[in-house]
Amino acid sequence: MRSTTQILKQVRDWRADGRPVGLATVVSTWGSAPRPVGGHMAVCSSGTFVGSVSGGCVEAAVVDVAQAVMAEQVPRIVEYGVSDADAWAVGLACGGRVRISVVPVGAAGLDDASLAELIRAREALEPVVLGSWLDTGEHALLRPLDGPPDVGSAAELSDSAREALLTDRAALLEIDGRQVFLRPHNPPARLIIVGAAHVTQSLVPIASEAGLDVVVVDPRAAFASVERFPDVRLVRAWPDEALAELGVDHRTAVVTVTHDPKIDDPALLTALRAEPFYIGALGSRRTHSSRLERLEAEGVPRADLERIRAPVGLDIGARTPQEIALSIVAQIIQELRTRRP
């Protein structure tokens, strides 16, 4: 399946070729709809489409709606559902329902300038929110994390857009009697692994496949070698220096795996002073107890030390490096998807 950036680039290319384009977006779901809120599908005038809004069961109907939207230059809201008895026959498992906004791309919907800026922001890893007014198809790019909070009538929109970015969840709200759909466009969550250890070789591909942007930090050149890690960004520096240079924010997870206090402890101290959404440390309960004593001696409050997940990973009885890596990624995803800002 194409990524959101690939779908948006296809829209841009079709527009550059002079083709009319309609953009469909899932704005709400009920039951077990197979595509998440915010899922995109783009349709050009020939009927060719990219992306998905239902996993295959209503795409043909959406193509027809998009053709009408392109011809009339008027946005539409459509809703599809299926009973439990018919669910498997058409692809909406468990009888889900989807509500979809279909807008023309251009002056009457998502304008070309906003589309180009959205693509640029995604490629530059800038967090933005695309706001869509469902009654008119108007769109606006919002940057609620930049500058002071808005006041007055814009405050509700700004606060909701900020919440959408921090939780990475789209939102449908009503402002001044109009429905506004807020679709966050965040850069990938980042995983900084401190230690080019054996388990790291299993953790890197699993985390990358899960959509995390992975960085491996280790000052030891023999460990952090391209031969051992050919497809990942390597930073050969002491962890406190590396984390300060990389920057640790609310979209960052930090995991230490070396068992060496000279490497792990500086990384944990730096992470605890920042605001990563996840901090994990490999090691037994006994190892972690000694670690806590050292960090507390460095002046870290006991309440802050409770942020460290150790032994790291979900308790699935993992034994092998591959199983341990899977449990770590599962716990990171759990924290990313269930946390509150």
Protein backbone atom coordinates (compact mmCIF):
# COMPACT_ATOMS: atom_id res chain seq x y z
CA MET A 1 0.00 0.00 0.00
CA ARG A 2 1.28 3.46 -0.83
CA SER A 3 2.26 5.85 1.94
CA THR A 4 0.41 9.12 2.50
CA THR A 5 3.29 11.08 0.98
CA GLN A 6 3.25 8.87 -2.13
CA ILE A 7 -0.50 9.40 -2.52
CA LEU A 8 -0.14 13.18 -2.20
CA LYS A 9 2.72 13.20 -4.71
CA GLN A 10 0.59 11.26 -7.17
CA VAL A 11 -2.13 13.90 -6.77
CA ARG A 12 0.44 16.62 -7.46
CA ASP A 13 1.71 14.80 -10.56
CA TRP A 14 -1.80 14.31 -11.95
CA ARG A 15 -2.52 18.00 -11.40
CA ALA A 16 0.75 18.93 -13.14
CA ASP A 17 -0.44 16.87 -16.13
CA GLY A 18 -3.67 18.86 -16.20
CA ARG A 19 -5.90 16.06 -14.94
CA PRO A 20 -8.85 16.71 -12.60
CA VAL A 21 -8.41 14.92 -9.26
CA GLY A 22 -10.70 14.05 -6.37
CA LEU A 23 -9.38 13.27 -2.90
CA ALA A 24 -11.35 10.98 -0.57
CA THR A 25 -10.63 10.90 3.17
CA VAL A 26 -12.08 8.70 5.92
CA VAL A 27 -13.43 11.19 8.50
CA SER A 28 -15.18 8.80 10.90
CA THR A 29 -15.74 5.07 11.40
CA TRP A 30 -17.99 2.78 13.43
CA GLY A 31 -17.46 -0.86 14.23
CA SER A 32 -14.58 -2.70 12.59
CA ALA A 33 -13.94 -0.52 9.56
CA PRO A 34 -10.71 -1.77 7.94
CA ARG A 35 -9.13 1.64 7.26
CA PRO A 36 -8.32 4.15 10.00
CA VAL A 37 -9.71 7.65 10.25
CA GLY A 38 -7.54 9.87 8.05
CA GLY A 39 -6.97 7.25 5.35
CA HIS A 40 -6.71 8.78 1.86
CA MET A 41 -7.66 7.68 -1.64
CA ALA A 42 -7.02 9.84 -4.71
CA VAL A 43 -8.89 9.46 -8.01
CA CYS A 44 -8.03 11.07 -11.34
CA SER A 45 -10.41 11.77 -14.20
CA SER A 46 -9.63 8.48 -15.96
CA GLY A 47 -10.86 6.53 -12.92
CA THR A 48 -7.37 5.46 -11.87
CA PHE A 49 -6.96 5.62 -8.10
CA VAL A 50 -4.28 5.22 -5.45
CA GLY A 51 -4.71 4.62 -1.73
CA SER A 52 -7.66 3.09 0.05
CA VAL A 53 -10.63 4.06 2.21
CA SER A 54 -12.05 0.64 3.03
CA GLY A 55 -9.64 -2.11 2.09
CA GLY A 56 -11.41 -2.85 -1.19
CA CYS A 57 -15.15 -3.02 -0.58
CA VAL A 58 -16.34 0.53 -1.38
CA GLU A 59 -13.50 1.85 -3.55
CA ALA A 60 -15.50 1.39 -6.76
CA ALA A 61 -18.37 3.44 -5.35
CA VAL A 62 -15.97 6.15 -4.18
CA VAL A 63 -14.46 6.35 -7.68
CA ASP A 64 -17.95 7.13 -9.01
CA VAL A 65 -18.51 9.78 -6.35
CA ALA A 66 -15.11 11.33 -7.06
CA GLN A 67 -15.94 11.52 -10.79
CA ALA A 68 -19.09 13.47 -9.94
CA VAL A 69 -17.19 15.72 -7.53
CA MET A 70 -14.60 16.50 -10.22
CA ALA A 71 -17.32 17.30 -12.75
CA GLU A 72 -19.40 19.47 -10.41
CA GLN A 73 -16.51 20.91 -8.37
CA VAL A 74 -18.64 20.45 -5.26
CA PRO A 75 -17.49 18.36 -2.25
CA ARG A 76 -19.60 15.48 -0.97
CA ILE A 77 -19.92 13.43 2.21
CA VAL A 78 -20.81 9.77 1.69
CA GLU A 79 -21.40 6.96 4.16
CA TYR A 80 -21.12 3.23 3.64
CA GLY A 81 -21.84 0.28 5.87
CA VAL A 82 -22.72 -3.37 5.83
CA SER A 83 -24.53 -5.75 8.14
CA ASP A 84 -22.65 -8.42 10.05
CA ALA A 85 -24.25 -11.12 7.88
CA ASP A 86 -22.83 -9.61 4.67
CA ALA A 87 -19.56 -8.32 6.09
CA TRP A 88 -17.19 -10.95 4.75
CA ALA A 89 -18.74 -10.94 1.30
CA VAL A 90 -17.82 -7.29 0.69
CA GLY A 91 -14.77 -6.85 2.88
CA LEU A 92 -15.96 -4.82 5.87
CA ALA A 93 -15.26 -7.41 8.54
CA CYS A 94 -17.64 -7.37 11.54
CA GLY A 95 -20.08 -4.97 9.92
CA GLY A 96 -18.12 -1.70 9.99
CA ARG A 97 -19.25 1.68 8.68
CA VAL A 98 -17.21 4.51 7.19
CA ARG A 99 -17.96 8.17 6.54
CA ILE A 100 -15.91 9.65 3.72
CA SER A 101 -15.29 13.20 2.56
CA VAL A 102 -14.66 13.55 -1.18
CA VAL A 103 -13.34 16.91 -2.41
CA PRO A 104 -12.01 18.24 -5.70
CA VAL A 105 -8.34 19.20 -5.73
CA GLY A 106 -8.02 22.78 -6.88
CA ALA A 107 -9.79 26.04 -6.18
CA ALA A 108 -12.99 24.42 -4.87
CA GLY A 109 -11.35 22.00 -2.43
CA LEU A 110 -7.76 21.24 -1.47
CA ASP A 111 -5.92 23.96 -3.38
CA ASP A 112 -2.65 23.24 -5.15
CA ALA A 113 -0.62 25.59 -2.94
CA SER A 114 -1.76 23.84 0.25
CA LEU A 115 -1.07 20.45 -1.36
CA ALA A 116 2.48 21.50 -2.29
CA GLU A 117 3.13 22.89 1.21
CA LEU A 118 1.77 19.72 2.83
CA ILE A 119 4.11 17.54 0.75
CA ARG A 120 7.03 19.84 1.59
CA ALA A 121 6.23 19.71 5.32
CA ARG A 122 5.99 15.92 5.32
CA GLU A 123 9.32 15.58 3.51
CA ALA A 124 10.93 18.08 5.91
CA LEU A 125 9.52 16.11 8.89
CA GLU A 126 7.56 19.15 10.09
CA PRO A 127 4.44 18.37 12.16
CA VAL A 128 1.36 19.99 10.63
CA VAL A 129 -2.39 19.48 10.72
CA LEU A 130 -4.60 19.63 7.63
CA GLY A 131 -7.91 21.18 8.61
CA SER A 132 -10.89 20.43 6.33
CA TRP A 133 -14.29 22.13 6.55
CA LEU A 134 -16.67 19.41 5.42
CA ASP A 135 -19.49 21.67 4.19
CA THR A 136 -17.38 23.62 1.69
CA GLY A 137 -14.28 21.47 1.18
CA GLU A 138 -12.02 24.33 2.26
CA HIS A 139 -8.64 23.33 3.66
CA ALA A 140 -6.01 25.02 5.79
CA LEU A 141 -2.60 23.95 7.08
CA LEU A 142 -2.24 24.48 10.82
CA ARG A 143 0.94 24.56 12.90
CA PRO A 144 -0.33 24.59 16.48
CA LEU A 145 3.05 23.69 18.01
CA ASP A 146 4.64 26.89 16.67
CA GLY A 147 4.37 30.03 18.71
CA PRO A 148 2.00 30.92 21.57
CA PRO A 149 -1.53 29.44 21.76
CA ASP A 150 -4.28 31.22 19.85
CA VAL A 151 -6.95 33.19 21.67
CA GLY A 152 -10.57 34.01 20.96
CA SER A 153 -12.50 32.10 18.30
CA ALA A 154 -9.35 30.37 16.96
CA ALA A 155 -8.42 28.88 20.34
CA GLU A 156 -10.67 25.81 20.07
CA LEU A 157 -9.37 24.97 16.62
CA SER A 158 -5.75 25.49 17.69
CA ASP A 159 -6.14 23.45 20.88
CA SER A 160 -7.80 20.58 19.02
CA ALA A 161 -5.13 20.65 16.31
CA ARG A 162 -2.41 20.54 18.97
CA GLU A 163 -4.13 17.57 20.63
CA ALA A 164 -4.32 15.81 17.25
CA LEU A 165 -0.56 16.18 16.78
CA LEU A 166 0.40 15.15 20.30
CA THR A 167 -1.82 12.06 20.24
CA ASP A 168 -1.33 11.37 16.52
CA ARG A 169 -5.11 10.96 16.18
CA ALA A 170 -7.42 12.65 13.69
CA ALA A 171 -10.40 14.53 15.13
CA LEU A 172 -13.82 15.58 13.89
CA LEU A 173 -15.22 18.57 15.75
CA GLU A 174 -17.87 21.25 15.37
CA ILE A 175 -16.91 24.92 15.52
CA ASP A 176 -19.46 27.70 15.02
CA GLY A 177 -21.94 25.16 13.69
CA ARG A 178 -19.54 23.76 11.06
CA GLN A 179 -17.81 20.36 11.10
CA VAL A 180 -14.04 20.51 10.83
CA PHE A 181 -11.87 17.44 10.27
CA LEU A 182 -8.33 17.65 11.63
CA ARG A 183 -5.85 15.24 10.11
CA PRO A 184 -2.40 15.26 11.80
CA HIS A 185 0.67 14.80 9.62
CA ASN A 186 3.45 13.87 12.03
CA PRO A 187 6.95 12.74 11.15
CA PRO A 188 7.56 9.07 11.99
CA ALA A 189 8.10 8.36 15.65
CA ARG A 190 11.81 7.90 16.27
CA LEU A 191 13.58 5.13 18.17
CA ILE A 192 17.07 5.85 19.49
CA ILE A 193 18.78 2.60 20.45
CA VAL A 194 21.78 3.11 22.72
CA GLY A 195 24.14 0.22 22.15
CA ALA A 196 24.99 -1.65 18.96
CA ALA A 197 24.47 -4.96 20.74
CA HIS A 198 23.36 -8.36 19.48
CA VAL A 199 19.71 -7.69 20.31
CA THR A 200 19.98 -4.41 18.40
CA GLN A 201 20.50 -6.36 15.17
CA SER A 202 17.04 -7.87 15.66
CA LEU A 203 15.48 -4.69 17.03
CA VAL A 204 16.43 -2.48 14.06
CA PRO A 205 14.53 -4.37 11.30
CA ILE A 206 11.46 -5.03 13.46
CA ALA A 207 11.24 -1.39 14.55
CA SER A 208 11.80 -0.15 11.00
CA GLU A 209 9.11 -2.44 9.64
CA ALA A 210 6.73 -1.03 12.29
CA GLY A 211 7.31 2.45 10.85
CA LEU A 212 9.76 3.82 13.43
CA ASP A 213 12.68 6.00 12.35
CA VAL A 214 15.63 4.15 13.91
CA VAL A 215 18.98 5.55 15.05
CA VAL A 216 21.70 3.46 16.73
CA VAL A 217 24.10 5.24 19.10
CA ASP A 218 27.34 3.64 20.30
CA PRO A 219 30.81 5.17 20.80
CA ARG A 220 32.49 1.82 20.07
CA ALA A 221 33.42 1.71 16.38
CA ALA A 222 33.83 -2.07 16.41
CA PHE A 223 30.21 -2.46 17.47
CA ALA A 224 28.65 0.42 15.50
CA SER A 225 29.96 -0.69 12.13
CA VAL A 226 28.29 -0.52 8.76
CA GLU A 227 28.99 -4.22 8.32
CA ARG A 228 26.88 -5.06 11.39
CA PHE A 229 24.22 -2.40 10.67
CA PRO A 230 24.11 -1.72 6.93
CA ASP A 231 20.69 -0.11 6.71
CA VAL A 232 20.41 2.22 9.70
CA ARG A 233 21.74 5.58 10.78
CA LEU A 234 24.74 5.11 13.10
CA VAL A 235 26.01 7.74 15.52
CA ARG A 236 29.44 6.93 16.96
CA ALA A 237 29.47 9.20 20.00
CA TRP A 238 28.90 9.03 23.73
CA PRO A 239 25.16 8.78 24.34
CA ASP A 240 24.71 12.03 26.28
CA GLU A 241 26.41 13.96 23.47
CA ALA A 242 24.53 12.03 20.77
CA LEU A 243 21.10 12.50 22.37
CA ALA A 244 21.74 16.21 22.86
CA GLU A 245 22.68 16.52 19.18
CA LEU A 246 19.78 14.38 17.93
CA GLY A 247 17.22 16.09 20.15
CA VAL A 248 14.73 14.13 22.24
CA ASP A 249 11.09 15.15 22.03
CA HIS A 250 7.56 13.80 22.50
CA ARG A 251 7.91 11.70 19.31
CA THR A 252 11.09 9.96 20.50
CA ALA A 253 11.60 6.61 22.25
CA VAL A 254 14.95 5.79 23.88
CA VAL A 255 16.08 2.23 24.64
CA THR A 256 19.40 1.26 26.22
CA VAL A 257 20.71 -2.26 25.66
CA THR A 258 24.42 -2.46 26.57
CA HIS A 259 24.27 -3.32 30.32
CA ASP A 260 27.34 -1.06 30.61
CA PRO A 261 26.73 1.81 33.07
CA LYS A 262 29.33 3.97 31.29
CA ILE A 263 27.12 3.91 28.18
CA ASP A 264 23.59 3.31 29.43
CA ASP A 265 23.53 5.66 32.43
CA PRO A 266 24.44 8.89 30.57
CA ALA A 267 21.79 8.08 27.98
CA LEU A 268 19.13 7.52 30.64
CA LEU A 269 20.09 10.70 32.50
CA THR A 270 19.79 12.72 29.29
CA ALA A 271 16.49 11.09 28.33
CA LEU A 272 15.00 11.65 31.79
CA ARG A 273 15.72 15.38 31.50
CA ALA A 274 13.80 15.51 28.22
CA GLU A 275 10.27 14.46 27.26
CA PRO A 276 10.46 11.24 25.23
CA PHE A 277 7.23 9.27 25.13
CA TYR A 278 9.09 6.08 26.07
CA ILE A 279 12.27 5.15 27.95
CA GLY A 280 13.30 1.49 28.21
CA ALA A 281 16.36 -0.29 29.57
CA LEU A 282 17.42 -3.87 28.93
CA GLY A 283 18.44 -5.91 31.97
CA SER A 284 17.18 -8.06 34.80
CA ARG A 285 15.33 -6.73 37.84
CA ARG A 286 18.54 -7.00 39.85
CA THR A 287 20.45 -5.06 37.19
CA HIS A 288 17.74 -2.42 37.14
CA SER A 289 17.74 -2.11 40.93
CA SER A 290 21.45 -1.28 40.85
CA ARG A 291 20.81 1.11 37.96
CA LEU A 292 18.16 2.97 39.96
CA GLU A 293 20.55 3.38 42.89
CA ARG A 294 23.18 4.91 40.62
CA LEU A 295 20.74 7.28 38.92
CA GLU A 296 19.23 8.34 42.22
CA ALA A 297 22.74 9.10 43.48
CA GLU A 298 23.05 11.40 40.45
CA GLY A 299 20.11 13.40 41.77
CA VAL A 300 17.26 11.94 39.72
CA PRO A 301 14.02 11.91 41.78
CA ARG A 302 12.55 8.47 42.38
CA ALA A 303 9.29 9.56 40.70
CA ASP A 304 11.19 10.32 37.48
CA LEU A 305 12.96 6.97 37.60
CA GLU A 306 9.57 5.27 37.40
CA ARG A 307 9.38 6.44 33.78
CA ILE A 308 11.99 3.82 32.83
CA ARG A 309 10.46 0.59 31.52
CA ALA A 310 12.65 -2.18 32.91
CA PRO A 311 12.91 -5.04 32.32
CA VAL A 312 12.15 -3.58 28.91
CA GLY A 313 9.37 -4.90 26.65
CA LEU A 314 5.99 -6.50 27.15
CA ASP A 315 6.03 -9.63 29.27
CA ILE A 316 5.52 -12.28 26.60
CA GLY A 317 8.07 -14.73 27.97
CA ALA A 318 10.64 -13.61 25.39
CA ARG A 319 13.97 -15.48 25.38
CA THR A 320 15.69 -15.06 22.02
CA PRO A 321 16.99 -11.70 20.70
CA GLN A 322 14.22 -11.72 18.10
CA GLU A 323 11.52 -12.28 20.72
CA ILE A 324 12.98 -9.62 23.00
CA ALA A 325 13.08 -7.16 20.09
CA LEU A 326 9.45 -7.93 19.26
CA SER A 327 8.39 -7.36 22.87
CA ILE A 328 10.21 -4.00 22.95
CA VAL A 329 8.60 -2.74 19.75
CA ALA A 330 5.18 -3.92 20.95
CA GLN A 331 5.57 -1.96 24.18
CA ILE A 332 6.72 1.16 22.30
CA ILE A 333 3.70 0.97 19.97
CA GLN A 334 1.39 0.42 22.96
CA GLU A 335 2.75 3.54 24.65
CA LEU A 336 2.65 5.58 21.44
CA ARG A 337 -0.98 4.71 20.68
CA THR A 338 -2.47 4.86 24.18
CA ARG A 339 -0.68 7.78 25.81
CA ARG A 340 -2.27 11.11 26.54
CA PRO A 341 -0.45 14.41 25.90
